[in-house]
Amino acid sequence: MTSRQRPPVVLTVAAAIVFVVCFGLGVWQLQRAAWKTHELARVAGLKHAAPIPLEPLFAQMAKGDDLTFTHVVVDCLPADPGPAQSRLVSDKGEWIARLLSACQLDEPPYQGIVIDRGFLAASRGQPNPPAAALPAPEHVIGVLYPRASSQMAGLSNPAPFVLVVEQEMPSPTGVTPAPYPDAGDNLQYVGAYWLTWFGLAGAVAVVYAAMLWRRSHPKP
């Protein structure tokens, strides 16, 4: 009478760990995919909603609320023309300068907000962008994004967001409003690999089951 072979302990534990990890990652990817769908719908709703006044949102900013992609409108306080700060970015394979200006506001707790006014056409293809003197922003419609830099000439205490211009009145000469890259591009692969992880978990289970079958049915 042939005794029944016990499953190898080390291999069983290893297979169980790999299966649980792969299956867990598959579940996590499914959850991420659901979150991505919700996030993309939220972003689209915010960006395409009618613009709302900026100043009442300052209280929410001060509390640390995430207002990214909120569509807003603001009227800046009158100010003298001055040099705009530039930030080089790549566009269509060429360097081009984005111009930043201060929008002065009389609305505590912030002195104002940084305005990204768009591309300076004269800077395209130049590693050292020319200096640009612009009239101060007046009436601006745009979308809020987190502000990367803490420095902005003319603002000692700027709001923690940058307002990326969609429409500016009056429009400064030589500057073209340019939206930031679509948020959906950064989420392209979020939650995309759930099938891969479930497939790996299934493969581990099949290989382990085949190994057990071979052990219990040895060749004569």
C-alpha atoms as a PDB file:
ATOM      1  CA  MET A   1       0.000   0.000   0.000  1.00  0.00           C
ATOM      2  CA  THR A   2       1.444   3.344  -1.043  1.00  0.00           C
ATOM      3  CA  SER A   3       1.439   6.086   1.628  1.00  0.00           C
ATOM      4  CA  ARG A   4       0.003   9.420   0.606  1.00  0.00           C
ATOM      5  CA  GLN A   5       2.688  12.106   0.225  1.00  0.00           C
ATOM      6  CA  ARG A   6       2.334  15.271   2.223  1.00  0.00           C
ATOM      7  CA  PRO A   7       2.575  18.611   0.352  1.00  0.00           C
ATOM      8  CA  PRO A   8       6.005  20.228   0.677  1.00  0.00           C
ATOM      9  CA  VAL A   9       5.740  22.823   3.441  1.00  0.00           C
ATOM     10  CA  VAL A  10       8.202  25.401   2.106  1.00  0.00           C
ATOM     11  CA  LEU A  11       6.806  25.307  -1.424  1.00  0.00           C
ATOM     12  CA  THR A  12       3.240  25.486  -0.137  1.00  0.00           C
ATOM     13  CA  VAL A  13       3.984  28.513   2.018  1.00  0.00           C
ATOM     14  CA  ALA A  14       5.835  30.242  -0.826  1.00  0.00           C
ATOM     15  CA  ALA A  15       3.014  29.553  -3.301  1.00  0.00           C
ATOM     16  CA  ALA A  16       0.426  30.812  -0.808  1.00  0.00           C
ATOM     17  CA  ILE A  17       2.348  34.030  -0.210  1.00  0.00           C
ATOM     18  CA  VAL A  18       2.796  34.710  -3.942  1.00  0.00           C
ATOM     19  CA  PHE A  19      -0.880  33.945  -4.617  1.00  0.00           C
ATOM     20  CA  VAL A  20      -2.109  36.239  -1.826  1.00  0.00           C
ATOM     21  CA  VAL A  21       0.207  39.071  -2.911  1.00  0.00           C
ATOM     22  CA  CYS A  22      -0.784  38.839  -6.585  1.00  0.00           C
ATOM     23  CA  PHE A  23      -4.488  38.527  -5.781  1.00  0.00           C
ATOM     24  CA  GLY A  24      -4.260  41.456  -3.337  1.00  0.00           C
ATOM     25  CA  LEU A  25      -2.539  43.603  -5.959  1.00  0.00           C
ATOM     26  CA  GLY A  26      -5.286  42.718  -8.426  1.00  0.00           C
ATOM     27  CA  VAL A  27      -7.957  43.842  -5.953  1.00  0.00           C
ATOM     28  CA  TRP A  28      -5.971  47.031  -5.286  1.00  0.00           C
ATOM     29  CA  GLN A  29      -5.732  47.731  -9.020  1.00  0.00           C
ATOM     30  CA  LEU A  30      -9.495  47.311  -9.376  1.00  0.00           C
ATOM     31  CA  GLN A  31     -10.012  49.782  -6.547  1.00  0.00           C
ATOM     32  CA  ARG A  32      -7.576  52.173  -8.214  1.00  0.00           C
ATOM     33  CA  ALA A  33      -9.444  51.835 -11.507  1.00  0.00           C
ATOM     34  CA  ALA A  34     -12.704  52.748  -9.770  1.00  0.00           C
ATOM     35  CA  TRP A  35     -10.981  55.700  -8.088  1.00  0.00           C
ATOM     36  CA  LYS A  36      -9.563  56.838 -11.464  1.00  0.00           C
ATOM     37  CA  THR A  37     -13.007  56.780 -13.058  1.00  0.00           C
ATOM     38  CA  HIS A  38     -14.397  58.858 -10.201  1.00  0.00           C
ATOM     39  CA  GLU A  39     -11.426  61.251 -10.231  1.00  0.00           C
ATOM     40  CA  LEU A  40     -11.602  61.857 -13.979  1.00  0.00           C
ATOM     41  CA  ALA A  41     -15.320  62.571 -13.711  1.00  0.00           C
ATOM     42  CA  ARG A  42     -14.650  64.960 -10.798  1.00  0.00           C
ATOM     43  CA  VAL A  43     -11.892  66.782 -12.685  1.00  0.00           C
ATOM     44  CA  ALA A  44     -14.015  67.112 -15.820  1.00  0.00           C
ATOM     45  CA  GLY A  45     -16.917  68.436 -13.752  1.00  0.00           C
ATOM     46  CA  LEU A  46     -14.737  71.042 -12.030  1.00  0.00           C
ATOM     47  CA  LYS A  47     -12.938  72.221 -15.149  1.00  0.00           C
ATOM     48  CA  HIS A  48     -16.092  72.541 -17.231  1.00  0.00           C
ATOM     49  CA  ALA A  49     -18.268  74.063 -14.536  1.00  0.00           C
ATOM     50  CA  ALA A  50     -19.158  77.739 -14.672  1.00  0.00           C
ATOM     51  CA  PRO A  51     -16.341  79.783 -13.073  1.00  0.00           C
ATOM     52  CA  ILE A  52     -16.916  80.838  -9.481  1.00  0.00           C
ATOM     53  CA  PRO A  53     -15.397  83.857  -7.669  1.00  0.00           C
ATOM     54  CA  LEU A  54     -11.938  83.152  -6.283  1.00  0.00           C
ATOM     55  CA  GLU A  55     -11.948  85.228  -3.097  1.00  0.00           C
ATOM     56  CA  PRO A  56     -14.537  83.168  -1.150  1.00  0.00           C
ATOM     57  CA  LEU A  57     -12.331  80.104  -1.695  1.00  0.00           C
ATOM     58  CA  PHE A  58      -9.468  81.590   0.327  1.00  0.00           C
ATOM     59  CA  ALA A  59     -10.986  80.338   3.583  1.00  0.00           C
ATOM     60  CA  GLN A  60     -10.978  76.793   2.185  1.00  0.00           C
ATOM     61  CA  MET A  61      -7.389  77.197   0.988  1.00  0.00           C
ATOM     62  CA  ALA A  62      -6.322  78.296   4.446  1.00  0.00           C
ATOM     63  CA  LYS A  63      -7.824  75.087   5.868  1.00  0.00           C
ATOM     64  CA  GLY A  64      -5.818  73.033   3.387  1.00  0.00           C
ATOM     65  CA  ASP A  65      -8.735  71.960   1.176  1.00  0.00           C
ATOM     66  CA  ASP A  66      -7.776  70.584  -2.226  1.00  0.00           C
ATOM     67  CA  LEU A  67      -9.229  72.958  -4.801  1.00  0.00           C
ATOM     68  CA  THR A  68      -7.163  71.671  -7.712  1.00  0.00           C
ATOM     69  CA  PHE A  69      -8.948  72.025 -11.081  1.00  0.00           C
ATOM     70  CA  THR A  70     -11.556  74.425  -9.695  1.00  0.00           C
ATOM     71  CA  HIS A  71     -12.754  76.838 -12.397  1.00  0.00           C
ATOM     72  CA  VAL A  72     -12.603  80.401 -11.048  1.00  0.00           C
ATOM     73  CA  VAL A  73     -12.859  84.046 -12.019  1.00  0.00           C
ATOM     74  CA  VAL A  74     -11.090  86.940 -10.324  1.00  0.00           C
ATOM     75  CA  ASP A  75     -10.696  90.700 -10.677  1.00  0.00           C
ATOM     76  CA  CYS A  76      -7.236  91.829  -9.572  1.00  0.00           C
ATOM     77  CA  LEU A  77      -6.512  95.132  -7.886  1.00  0.00           C
ATOM     78  CA  PRO A  78      -5.063  97.846 -10.159  1.00  0.00           C
ATOM     79  CA  ALA A  79      -1.275  97.715 -10.340  1.00  0.00           C
ATOM     80  CA  ASP A  80       1.514  99.193 -12.428  1.00  0.00           C
ATOM     81  CA  PRO A  81       2.973  97.235 -15.368  1.00  0.00           C
ATOM     82  CA  GLY A  82       6.072  95.282 -14.519  1.00  0.00           C
ATOM     83  CA  PRO A  83       8.376  92.426 -15.532  1.00  0.00           C
ATOM     84  CA  ALA A  84       6.804  88.986 -15.503  1.00  0.00           C
ATOM     85  CA  GLN A  85       8.626  86.007 -14.093  1.00  0.00           C
ATOM     86  CA  SER A  86       9.316  83.277 -16.632  1.00  0.00           C
ATOM     87  CA  ARG A  87       9.496  79.500 -16.365  1.00  0.00           C
ATOM     88  CA  LEU A  88      10.919  77.451 -19.224  1.00  0.00           C
ATOM     89  CA  VAL A  89       8.923  74.396 -20.297  1.00  0.00           C
ATOM     90  CA  SER A  90       9.015  72.087 -23.302  1.00  0.00           C
ATOM     91  CA  ASP A  91       6.274  72.428 -25.905  1.00  0.00           C
ATOM     92  CA  LYS A  92       6.264  70.485 -29.186  1.00  0.00           C
ATOM     93  CA  GLY A  93       9.950  69.696 -28.716  1.00  0.00           C
ATOM     94  CA  GLU A  94      10.995  73.324 -28.184  1.00  0.00           C
ATOM     95  CA  TRP A  95      11.717  75.454 -25.147  1.00  0.00           C
ATOM     96  CA  ILE A  96       9.205  78.168 -24.460  1.00  0.00           C
ATOM     97  CA  ALA A  97       8.613  80.464 -21.497  1.00  0.00           C
ATOM     98  CA  ARG A  98       5.478  80.500 -19.399  1.00  0.00           C
ATOM     99  CA  LEU A  99       4.927  83.919 -17.833  1.00  0.00           C
ATOM    100  CA  LEU A 100       3.874  84.384 -14.218  1.00  0.00           C
ATOM    101  CA  SER A 101       2.442  87.575 -12.754  1.00  0.00           C
ATOM    102  CA  ALA A 102       1.010  88.586  -9.410  1.00  0.00           C
ATOM    103  CA  CYS A 103      -2.703  89.213  -9.034  1.00  0.00           C
ATOM    104  CA  GLN A 104      -3.023  91.566  -6.085  1.00  0.00           C
ATOM    105  CA  LEU A 105      -6.103  91.075  -3.907  1.00  0.00           C
ATOM    106  CA  ASP A 106      -7.345  92.609  -0.702  1.00  0.00           C
ATOM    107  CA  GLU A 107      -8.689  89.400   0.787  1.00  0.00           C
ATOM    108  CA  PRO A 108      -7.115  87.902   3.960  1.00  0.00           C
ATOM    109  CA  PRO A 109      -5.311  85.673   4.695  1.00  0.00           C
ATOM    110  CA  TYR A 110      -3.543  85.992   1.324  1.00  0.00           C
ATOM    111  CA  GLN A 111      -2.178  89.025  -0.430  1.00  0.00           C
ATOM    112  CA  GLY A 112      -3.041  87.601  -3.839  1.00  0.00           C
ATOM    113  CA  ILE A 113      -2.474  84.702  -6.194  1.00  0.00           C
ATOM    114  CA  VAL A 114       0.081  83.789  -8.871  1.00  0.00           C
ATOM    115  CA  ILE A 115      -1.296  83.997 -12.407  1.00  0.00           C
ATOM    116  CA  ASP A 116       0.171  81.734 -15.111  1.00  0.00           C
ATOM    117  CA  ARG A 117      -0.633  83.827 -18.163  1.00  0.00           C
ATOM    118  CA  GLY A 118       0.574  81.335 -20.777  1.00  0.00           C
ATOM    119  CA  PHE A 119       3.281  81.119 -23.418  1.00  0.00           C
ATOM    120  CA  LEU A 120       5.460  84.041 -24.496  1.00  0.00           C
ATOM    121  CA  ALA A 121       5.568  83.579 -28.280  1.00  0.00           C
ATOM    122  CA  ALA A 122       8.890  85.435 -28.645  1.00  0.00           C
ATOM    123  CA  SER A 123      10.629  82.933 -26.377  1.00  0.00           C
ATOM    124  CA  ARG A 124       9.967  79.788 -28.440  1.00  0.00           C
ATOM    125  CA  GLY A 125      13.159  77.858 -29.099  1.00  0.00           C
ATOM    126  CA  GLN A 126      15.308  80.097 -26.883  1.00  0.00           C
ATOM    127  CA  PRO A 127      17.112  78.608 -23.869  1.00  0.00           C
ATOM    128  CA  ASN A 128      17.324  82.107 -22.382  1.00  0.00           C
ATOM    129  CA  PRO A 129      13.904  83.738 -22.665  1.00  0.00           C
ATOM    130  CA  PRO A 130      13.755  87.486 -23.256  1.00  0.00           C
ATOM    131  CA  ALA A 131      12.572  89.731 -20.471  1.00  0.00           C
ATOM    132  CA  ALA A 132       8.893  90.566 -20.760  1.00  0.00           C
ATOM    133  CA  ALA A 133       7.197  93.603 -19.247  1.00  0.00           C
ATOM    134  CA  LEU A 134       3.439  93.139 -19.045  1.00  0.00           C
ATOM    135  CA  PRO A 135       0.472  95.118 -17.784  1.00  0.00           C
ATOM    136  CA  ALA A 136      -0.824  93.789 -14.497  1.00  0.00           C
ATOM    137  CA  PRO A 137      -3.607  91.200 -14.824  1.00  0.00           C
ATOM    138  CA  GLU A 138      -7.116  92.602 -14.453  1.00  0.00           C
ATOM    139  CA  HIS A 139      -9.979  90.208 -15.184  1.00  0.00           C
ATOM    140  CA  VAL A 140      -8.933  86.542 -15.278  1.00  0.00           C
ATOM    141  CA  ILE A 141     -10.805  83.272 -15.819  1.00  0.00           C
ATOM    142  CA  GLY A 142      -8.897  80.047 -15.339  1.00  0.00           C
ATOM    143  CA  VAL A 143      -8.241  76.834 -13.450  1.00  0.00           C
ATOM    144  CA  LEU A 144      -6.492  76.364 -10.104  1.00  0.00           C
ATOM    145  CA  TYR A 145      -3.409  74.148  -9.779  1.00  0.00           C
ATOM    146  CA  PRO A 146      -1.078  73.602  -6.803  1.00  0.00           C
ATOM    147  CA  ARG A 147       1.674  76.220  -6.718  1.00  0.00           C
ATOM    148  CA  ALA A 148       5.174  74.744  -7.041  1.00  0.00           C
ATOM    149  CA  SER A 149       7.232  77.794  -6.009  1.00  0.00           C
ATOM    150  CA  SER A 150       6.921  79.809  -2.815  1.00  0.00           C
ATOM    151  CA  GLN A 151       8.442  82.927  -4.404  1.00  0.00           C
ATOM    152  CA  MET A 152       6.529  85.496  -6.427  1.00  0.00           C
ATOM    153  CA  ALA A 153       7.579  89.084  -6.953  1.00  0.00           C
ATOM    154  CA  GLY A 154       4.982  91.470  -5.590  1.00  0.00           C
ATOM    155  CA  LEU A 155       3.342  88.928  -3.268  1.00  0.00           C
ATOM    156  CA  SER A 156       4.707  88.363   0.208  1.00  0.00           C
ATOM    157  CA  ASN A 157       1.971  85.876   1.095  1.00  0.00           C
ATOM    158  CA  PRO A 158       0.503  84.300  -2.075  1.00  0.00           C
ATOM    159  CA  ALA A 159      -2.296  81.743  -2.058  1.00  0.00           C
ATOM    160  CA  PRO A 160      -1.092  78.112  -2.280  1.00  0.00           C
ATOM    161  CA  PHE A 161      -2.401  77.777  -5.840  1.00  0.00           C
ATOM    162  CA  VAL A 162      -1.543  79.124  -9.259  1.00  0.00           C
ATOM    163  CA  LEU A 163      -4.355  80.321 -11.510  1.00  0.00           C
ATOM    164  CA  VAL A 164      -3.722  79.083 -15.066  1.00  0.00           C
ATOM    165  CA  VAL A 165      -5.355  81.498 -17.488  1.00  0.00           C
ATOM    166  CA  GLU A 166      -8.039  80.403 -19.908  1.00  0.00           C
ATOM    167  CA  GLN A 167      -9.211  83.911 -20.706  1.00  0.00           C
ATOM    168  CA  GLU A 168      -7.787  87.267 -19.701  1.00  0.00           C
ATOM    169  CA  MET A 169      -9.284  90.692 -20.322  1.00  0.00           C
ATOM    170  CA  PRO A 170      -7.560  92.701 -21.551  1.00  0.00           C
ATOM    171  CA  SER A 171      -5.267  90.130 -23.123  1.00  0.00           C
ATOM    172  CA  PRO A 172      -1.529  90.948 -22.963  1.00  0.00           C
ATOM    173  CA  THR A 173       0.181  91.243 -26.347  1.00  0.00           C
ATOM    174  CA  GLY A 174       2.420  88.354 -27.369  1.00  0.00           C
ATOM    175  CA  VAL A 175       1.126  85.966 -24.691  1.00  0.00           C
ATOM    176  CA  THR A 176      -1.041  82.953 -25.492  1.00  0.00           C
ATOM    177  CA  PRO A 177      -3.019  81.218 -22.727  1.00  0.00           C
ATOM    178  CA  ALA A 178      -1.925  77.579 -22.509  1.00  0.00           C
ATOM    179  CA  PRO A 179      -3.606  75.017 -20.255  1.00  0.00           C
ATOM    180  CA  TYR A 180      -1.513  72.606 -18.233  1.00  0.00           C
ATOM    181  CA  PRO A 181      -1.340  68.988 -19.493  1.00  0.00           C
ATOM    182  CA  ASP A 182      -4.577  67.051 -19.113  1.00  0.00           C
ATOM    183  CA  ALA A 183      -4.825  65.431 -15.685  1.00  0.00           C
ATOM    184  CA  GLY A 184      -6.048  62.265 -17.354  1.00  0.00           C
ATOM    185  CA  ASP A 185      -2.600  61.711 -18.892  1.00  0.00           C
ATOM    186  CA  ASN A 186      -1.094  61.162 -15.438  1.00  0.00           C
ATOM    187  CA  LEU A 187      -3.824  58.632 -14.620  1.00  0.00           C
ATOM    188  CA  GLN A 188      -3.547  56.672 -17.850  1.00  0.00           C
ATOM    189  CA  TYR A 189      -2.105  53.513 -16.289  1.00  0.00           C
ATOM    190  CA  VAL A 190      -3.736  53.759 -12.868  1.00  0.00           C
ATOM    191  CA  GLY A 191      -5.709  50.565 -12.277  1.00  0.00           C
ATOM    192  CA  ALA A 192      -4.789  49.161 -15.691  1.00  0.00           C
ATOM    193  CA  TYR A 193      -2.993  46.019 -14.518  1.00  0.00           C
ATOM    194  CA  TRP A 194      -5.680  44.250 -12.471  1.00  0.00           C
ATOM    195  CA  LEU A 195      -6.040  41.483 -15.074  1.00  0.00           C
ATOM    196  CA  THR A 196      -2.281  40.899 -15.082  1.00  0.00           C
ATOM    197  CA  TRP A 197      -2.149  40.426 -11.307  1.00  0.00           C
ATOM    198  CA  PHE A 198      -5.188  38.144 -11.234  1.00  0.00           C
ATOM    199  CA  GLY A 199      -3.648  36.176 -14.106  1.00  0.00           C
ATOM    200  CA  LEU A 200      -0.401  35.719 -12.160  1.00  0.00           C
ATOM    201  CA  ALA A 201      -2.337  34.573  -9.101  1.00  0.00           C
ATOM    202  CA  GLY A 202      -4.224  32.081 -11.257  1.00  0.00           C
ATOM    203  CA  ALA A 203      -0.988  30.843 -12.814  1.00  0.00           C
ATOM    204  CA  VAL A 204       0.530  30.224  -9.376  1.00  0.00           C
ATOM    205  CA  ALA A 205      -2.567  28.274  -8.322  1.00  0.00           C
ATOM    206  CA  VAL A 206      -2.505  26.157 -11.501  1.00  0.00           C
ATOM    207  CA  VAL A 207       1.233  25.377 -11.219  1.00  0.00           C
ATOM    208  CA  TYR A 208       0.885  24.460  -7.553  1.00  0.00           C
ATOM    209  CA  ALA A 209      -2.151  22.243  -8.271  1.00  0.00           C
ATOM    210  CA  ALA A 210      -0.257  20.515 -11.095  1.00  0.00           C
ATOM    211  CA  MET A 211       2.690  19.916  -8.794  1.00  0.00           C
ATOM    212  CA  LEU A 212       0.421  18.295  -6.182  1.00  0.00           C
ATOM    213  CA  TRP A 213      -1.195  16.118  -8.831  1.00  0.00           C
ATOM    214  CA  ARG A 214       2.176  14.936 -10.065  1.00  0.00           C
ATOM    215  CA  ARG A 215       3.269  14.097  -6.528  1.00  0.00           C
ATOM    216  CA  SER A 216       0.087  12.118  -5.865  1.00  0.00           C
ATOM    217  CA  HIS A 217       0.270  10.308  -9.221  1.00  0.00           C
ATOM    218  CA  PRO A 218       3.894   9.279  -9.605  1.00  0.00           C
ATOM    219  CA  LYS A 219       4.953   7.463 -12.738  1.00  0.00           C
ATOM    220  CA  PRO A 220       4.995   3.702 -12.277  1.00  0.00           C
END
